[in-house]
Amino acid sequence: MTVVLKLGGSVVTEKDTPDTVDGPALADAADAIAASGVDDLVLVHGGGSFGHPHAAAHGVSRADGTREATAIREIHGAMRTLNDAVCDALCDRGVSAVPHHPHSAGVRDADGTLSLSVDAVAAKRDEGFVPVLHGDVVTHVGAGATVVSGDELVVALADGLDAERVGVCSTVSGVLDDEGAVIPAIENYADVERYLGGSDDTDVTGGMAAKVRALLGLRAPASVFGPDAVGDFLDGETPGTVIR
């Protein structure tokens, strides 16, 4: 049973301090993953204070591209640094985490559709490794290179690997309504559109609204939950908001 889990960038980094890992939060998430013993786990993490500020500085987003090699290398390099920190935290706890960089595995066609090869991810998974992907920059036909978000990767991986469960760990305990209460389930974007806004921090990938839109397209059910519920999700529960 393939499980795809995303750790949000604002969970594992200090989003108000560029290029800074949130050590305690990353340690807690790594502890929960290590304790779960989940087989066939594929992990994705967001950009947080690593990818987003560098992308914003160069004017690069999911829609706006660059042909500057220096910009591409800077954004990708920042994400590799964060990916190393995530993999290190997991390996220190006995999890066989290995990096898998979307920059070399994905491409957008001219209309913006992402194509991500999952064969190598599946091979790593089948060999007992935990592939760790991340938000990144990918070649975009006709636009140079654009950002690919962790949420897009979750969708591509879940569909390509026929995942049975998907979890997205955010800084909040689920998708919230206008009174701050967790919405238990979402089946239609129109029903919750009025509650969803962008991120308060520098985020070039669209915040919660883009997250919900992406997850509604999955065949597998997805749960959006806070950091304290990583272990619960990996134990088979459906914490936070379930998106179908």
Protein backbone atom coordinates (compact mmCIF):
# COMPACT_ATOMS: atom_id res chain seq x y z
CA MET A 1 0.00 0.00 0.00
CA THR A 2 1.72 3.16 -1.19
CA VAL A 3 1.30 6.13 1.14
CA VAL A 4 2.23 9.61 -0.06
CA LEU A 5 2.94 12.13 2.68
CA LYS A 6 3.76 15.80 2.20
CA LEU A 7 5.39 17.93 4.88
CA GLY A 8 4.58 21.56 4.21
CA GLY A 9 7.45 23.98 3.81
CA SER A 10 6.14 26.10 6.66
CA VAL A 11 6.18 23.00 8.86
CA VAL A 12 9.85 22.12 8.41
CA THR A 13 11.30 25.63 7.99
CA GLU A 14 11.09 28.97 9.73
CA LYS A 15 9.25 30.80 6.97
CA ASP A 16 10.06 34.29 8.24
CA THR A 17 13.83 33.59 8.24
CA PRO A 18 15.32 32.77 4.83
CA ASP A 19 17.13 29.45 4.42
CA THR A 20 16.41 28.30 7.98
CA VAL A 21 15.24 24.84 9.03
CA ASP A 22 12.79 24.56 11.94
CA GLY A 23 14.89 21.95 13.73
CA PRO A 24 12.42 20.94 16.46
CA ALA A 25 9.50 20.66 14.03
CA LEU A 26 11.51 18.61 11.55
CA ALA A 27 12.71 16.38 14.39
CA ASP A 28 9.13 15.78 15.55
CA ALA A 29 7.99 14.88 12.04
CA ALA A 30 10.98 12.57 11.53
CA ASP A 31 10.29 10.89 14.88
CA ALA A 32 6.69 10.21 13.86
CA ILE A 33 7.72 8.81 10.48
CA ALA A 34 10.38 6.60 12.04
CA ALA A 35 7.97 5.29 14.69
CA SER A 36 5.25 4.47 12.17
CA GLY A 37 7.02 1.64 10.38
CA VAL A 38 4.97 2.37 7.25
CA ASP A 39 6.08 0.37 4.23
CA ASP A 40 6.01 1.87 0.74
CA LEU A 41 6.17 5.47 1.94
CA VAL A 42 6.90 8.29 -0.51
CA LEU A 43 7.64 11.68 1.02
CA VAL A 44 7.36 15.20 -0.40
CA HIS A 45 8.29 18.46 1.29
CA GLY A 46 7.58 22.05 0.41
CA GLY A 47 9.96 24.95 -0.09
CA GLY A 48 9.29 27.12 2.94
CA SER A 49 11.99 29.70 3.61
CA PHE A 50 14.35 27.99 1.16
CA GLY A 51 12.61 27.81 -2.20
CA HIS A 52 9.96 30.52 -2.02
CA PRO A 53 12.10 33.61 -1.27
CA HIS A 54 14.63 32.68 -3.96
CA ALA A 55 11.88 32.05 -6.51
CA ALA A 56 10.14 35.32 -5.61
CA ALA A 57 13.42 37.25 -5.88
CA HIS A 58 13.81 36.06 -9.47
CA GLY A 59 10.13 36.49 -10.37
CA VAL A 60 9.63 32.76 -10.92
CA SER A 61 6.34 31.02 -10.11
CA ARG A 62 4.17 28.25 -11.53
CA ALA A 63 3.10 30.64 -14.30
CA ASP A 64 6.11 32.94 -14.72
CA GLY A 65 9.28 31.35 -16.00
CA THR A 66 12.95 32.20 -16.32
CA ARG A 67 15.69 31.39 -18.79
CA GLU A 68 18.43 32.55 -16.43
CA ALA A 69 20.60 29.58 -15.49
CA THR A 70 21.79 31.41 -12.37
CA ALA A 71 18.21 31.79 -11.11
CA ILE A 72 17.42 28.14 -11.77
CA ARG A 73 20.56 26.98 -9.99
CA GLU A 74 19.88 29.25 -7.01
CA ILE A 75 16.31 28.07 -6.51
CA HIS A 76 17.15 24.42 -7.08
CA GLY A 77 20.25 24.68 -4.90
CA ALA A 78 18.25 26.07 -2.00
CA MET A 79 15.80 23.19 -2.31
CA ARG A 80 18.59 20.62 -2.43
CA THR A 81 19.95 22.06 0.81
CA LEU A 82 16.57 21.68 2.50
CA ASN A 83 16.13 18.21 1.02
CA ASP A 84 19.49 17.18 2.50
CA ALA A 85 18.33 18.38 5.93
CA VAL A 86 15.09 16.39 5.69
CA CYS A 87 16.87 13.25 4.52
CA ASP A 88 19.51 13.63 7.24
CA ALA A 89 16.85 13.92 9.95
CA LEU A 90 15.14 10.76 8.70
CA CYS A 91 18.34 8.76 8.23
CA ASP A 92 19.47 9.70 11.74
CA ARG A 93 16.36 7.84 12.95
CA GLY A 94 16.87 4.75 10.84
CA VAL A 95 14.60 5.69 7.93
CA SER A 96 16.15 4.83 4.54
CA ALA A 97 15.45 8.25 3.05
CA VAL A 98 17.02 9.12 -0.30
CA PRO A 99 16.69 12.31 -2.37
CA HIS A 100 14.75 12.46 -5.62
CA HIS A 101 15.02 15.84 -7.34
CA PRO A 102 12.07 16.84 -9.58
CA HIS A 103 14.28 19.26 -11.54
CA SER A 104 15.73 16.24 -13.34
CA ALA A 105 12.55 14.18 -13.44
CA GLY A 106 9.78 16.55 -14.49
CA VAL A 107 8.80 18.87 -17.32
CA ARG A 108 5.87 21.15 -18.12
CA ASP A 109 4.47 21.21 -21.61
CA ALA A 110 3.49 24.45 -23.32
CA ASP A 111 0.07 24.60 -21.63
CA GLY A 112 1.60 24.15 -18.18
CA THR A 113 0.71 20.50 -17.63
CA LEU A 114 3.29 18.72 -15.49
CA SER A 115 4.75 15.39 -16.56
CA LEU A 116 6.67 13.57 -13.84
CA SER A 117 8.40 10.25 -14.43
CA VAL A 118 7.56 8.00 -11.48
CA ASP A 119 9.40 4.86 -12.57
CA ALA A 120 12.55 5.75 -10.64
CA VAL A 121 10.48 6.70 -7.60
CA ALA A 122 8.71 3.34 -7.73
CA ALA A 123 12.03 1.52 -8.10
CA LYS A 124 13.46 3.24 -5.03
CA ARG A 125 10.31 2.44 -3.07
CA ASP A 126 10.40 -1.20 -4.16
CA GLU A 127 14.02 -1.48 -3.04
CA GLY A 128 13.05 -0.44 0.48
CA PHE A 129 14.03 3.23 0.26
CA VAL A 130 11.87 6.23 1.13
CA PRO A 131 12.11 8.61 -1.85
CA VAL A 132 12.04 12.24 -0.70
CA LEU A 133 10.90 14.74 -3.33
CA HIS A 134 10.46 18.49 -2.98
CA GLY A 135 9.13 21.61 -4.59
CA ASP A 136 11.55 22.63 -7.32
CA VAL A 137 12.04 24.30 -10.70
CA VAL A 138 11.38 22.28 -13.84
CA THR A 139 11.85 22.93 -17.53
CA HIS A 140 8.72 24.51 -19.04
CA VAL A 141 8.33 24.27 -22.79
CA GLY A 142 8.21 27.79 -24.19
CA ALA A 143 8.85 29.47 -20.82
CA GLY A 144 12.29 28.32 -19.74
CA ALA A 145 11.72 26.99 -16.24
CA THR A 146 8.91 27.42 -13.72
CA VAL A 147 8.19 26.32 -10.18
CA VAL A 148 6.59 22.96 -9.42
CA SER A 149 4.87 22.86 -6.06
CA GLY A 150 4.90 20.05 -3.56
CA ASP A 151 1.13 19.77 -3.96
CA GLU A 152 1.48 19.17 -7.70
CA LEU A 153 4.04 16.49 -6.97
CA VAL A 154 1.67 14.84 -4.49
CA VAL A 155 -0.99 14.58 -7.19
CA ALA A 156 1.43 13.23 -9.81
CA LEU A 157 2.86 10.67 -7.38
CA ALA A 158 -0.49 9.58 -5.99
CA ASP A 159 -1.88 8.95 -9.47
CA GLY A 160 1.31 7.53 -10.97
CA LEU A 161 1.97 5.16 -8.07
CA ASP A 162 -1.69 4.32 -7.50
CA ALA A 163 -1.43 5.45 -3.89
CA GLU A 164 -4.09 4.28 -1.48
CA ARG A 165 -3.65 7.11 1.03
CA VAL A 166 -2.42 10.69 0.81
CA GLY A 167 -1.57 13.00 3.68
CA VAL A 168 -0.68 16.70 3.63
CA CYS A 169 0.78 18.14 6.83
CA SER A 170 0.29 21.88 7.13
CA THR A 171 0.80 24.37 9.97
CA VAL A 172 -2.94 24.30 10.71
CA SER A 173 -5.04 21.38 11.90
CA GLY A 174 -7.01 21.14 8.66
CA VAL A 175 -8.86 23.37 6.20
CA LEU A 176 -10.53 26.02 8.36
CA ASP A 177 -13.82 27.85 7.98
CA ASP A 178 -14.32 31.55 8.74
CA GLU A 179 -14.60 30.83 12.47
CA GLY A 180 -11.37 28.87 12.60
CA ALA A 181 -13.03 25.46 12.90
CA VAL A 182 -11.76 22.47 10.95
CA ILE A 183 -13.97 21.54 8.01
CA PRO A 184 -14.36 17.73 8.37
CA ALA A 185 -14.70 16.89 4.67
CA ILE A 186 -14.56 18.60 1.28
CA GLU A 187 -16.02 17.15 -1.89
CA ASN A 188 -16.61 20.32 -3.92
CA TYR A 189 -14.37 23.37 -4.15
CA ALA A 190 -17.31 25.74 -4.51
CA ASP A 191 -18.54 24.74 -1.05
CA VAL A 192 -15.38 26.07 0.64
CA GLU A 193 -14.06 28.68 -1.79
CA ARG A 194 -15.12 31.57 0.43
CA TYR A 195 -12.90 30.30 3.25
CA LEU A 196 -9.71 29.88 1.26
CA GLY A 197 -7.05 32.50 0.75
CA GLY A 198 -3.36 32.66 -0.07
CA SER A 199 -0.48 32.22 2.32
CA ASP A 200 0.43 35.04 4.71
CA ASP A 201 4.11 34.31 3.98
CA THR A 202 6.06 34.46 0.74
CA ASP A 203 4.54 31.62 -1.27
CA VAL A 204 4.78 31.33 -5.04
CA THR A 205 2.56 28.25 -5.28
CA GLY A 206 -0.88 29.43 -4.21
CA GLY A 207 -1.46 28.59 -0.52
CA MET A 208 -4.41 26.55 0.76
CA ALA A 209 -6.66 27.30 -2.20
CA ALA A 210 -4.25 25.66 -4.65
CA LYS A 211 -3.76 22.78 -2.23
CA VAL A 212 -7.46 21.97 -2.04
CA ARG A 213 -7.93 22.28 -5.80
CA ALA A 214 -5.06 19.88 -6.41
CA LEU A 215 -6.20 17.29 -3.88
CA LEU A 216 -9.78 17.26 -5.19
CA GLY A 217 -8.41 15.79 -8.40
CA LEU A 218 -7.05 12.66 -6.72
CA ARG A 219 -8.50 9.18 -6.97
CA ALA A 220 -7.33 8.42 -3.43
CA PRO A 221 -8.72 10.23 -0.37
CA ALA A 222 -6.43 12.91 1.06
CA SER A 223 -6.17 14.26 4.58
CA VAL A 224 -4.97 17.77 5.47
CA PHE A 225 -3.81 18.01 9.07
CA GLY A 226 -1.41 19.70 11.48
CA PRO A 227 2.05 18.60 12.64
CA ASP A 228 0.73 16.84 15.75
CA ALA A 229 -1.26 14.40 13.59
CA VAL A 230 1.53 12.99 11.40
CA GLY A 231 1.70 9.85 13.52
CA ASP A 232 -2.08 9.45 13.55
CA PHE A 233 -2.20 9.63 9.75
CA LEU A 234 0.58 7.11 9.35
CA ASP A 235 -1.22 4.82 11.80
CA GLY A 236 -4.18 4.69 9.42
CA GLU A 237 -6.40 7.43 10.82
CA THR A 238 -7.91 10.33 8.85
CA PRO A 239 -7.15 13.43 10.93
CA GLY A 240 -8.02 17.00 9.99
CA THR A 241 -9.95 17.56 6.76
CA VAL A 242 -10.63 14.68 4.39
CA ILE A 243 -10.72 15.70 0.72
CA ARG A 244 -12.42 13.36 -1.75
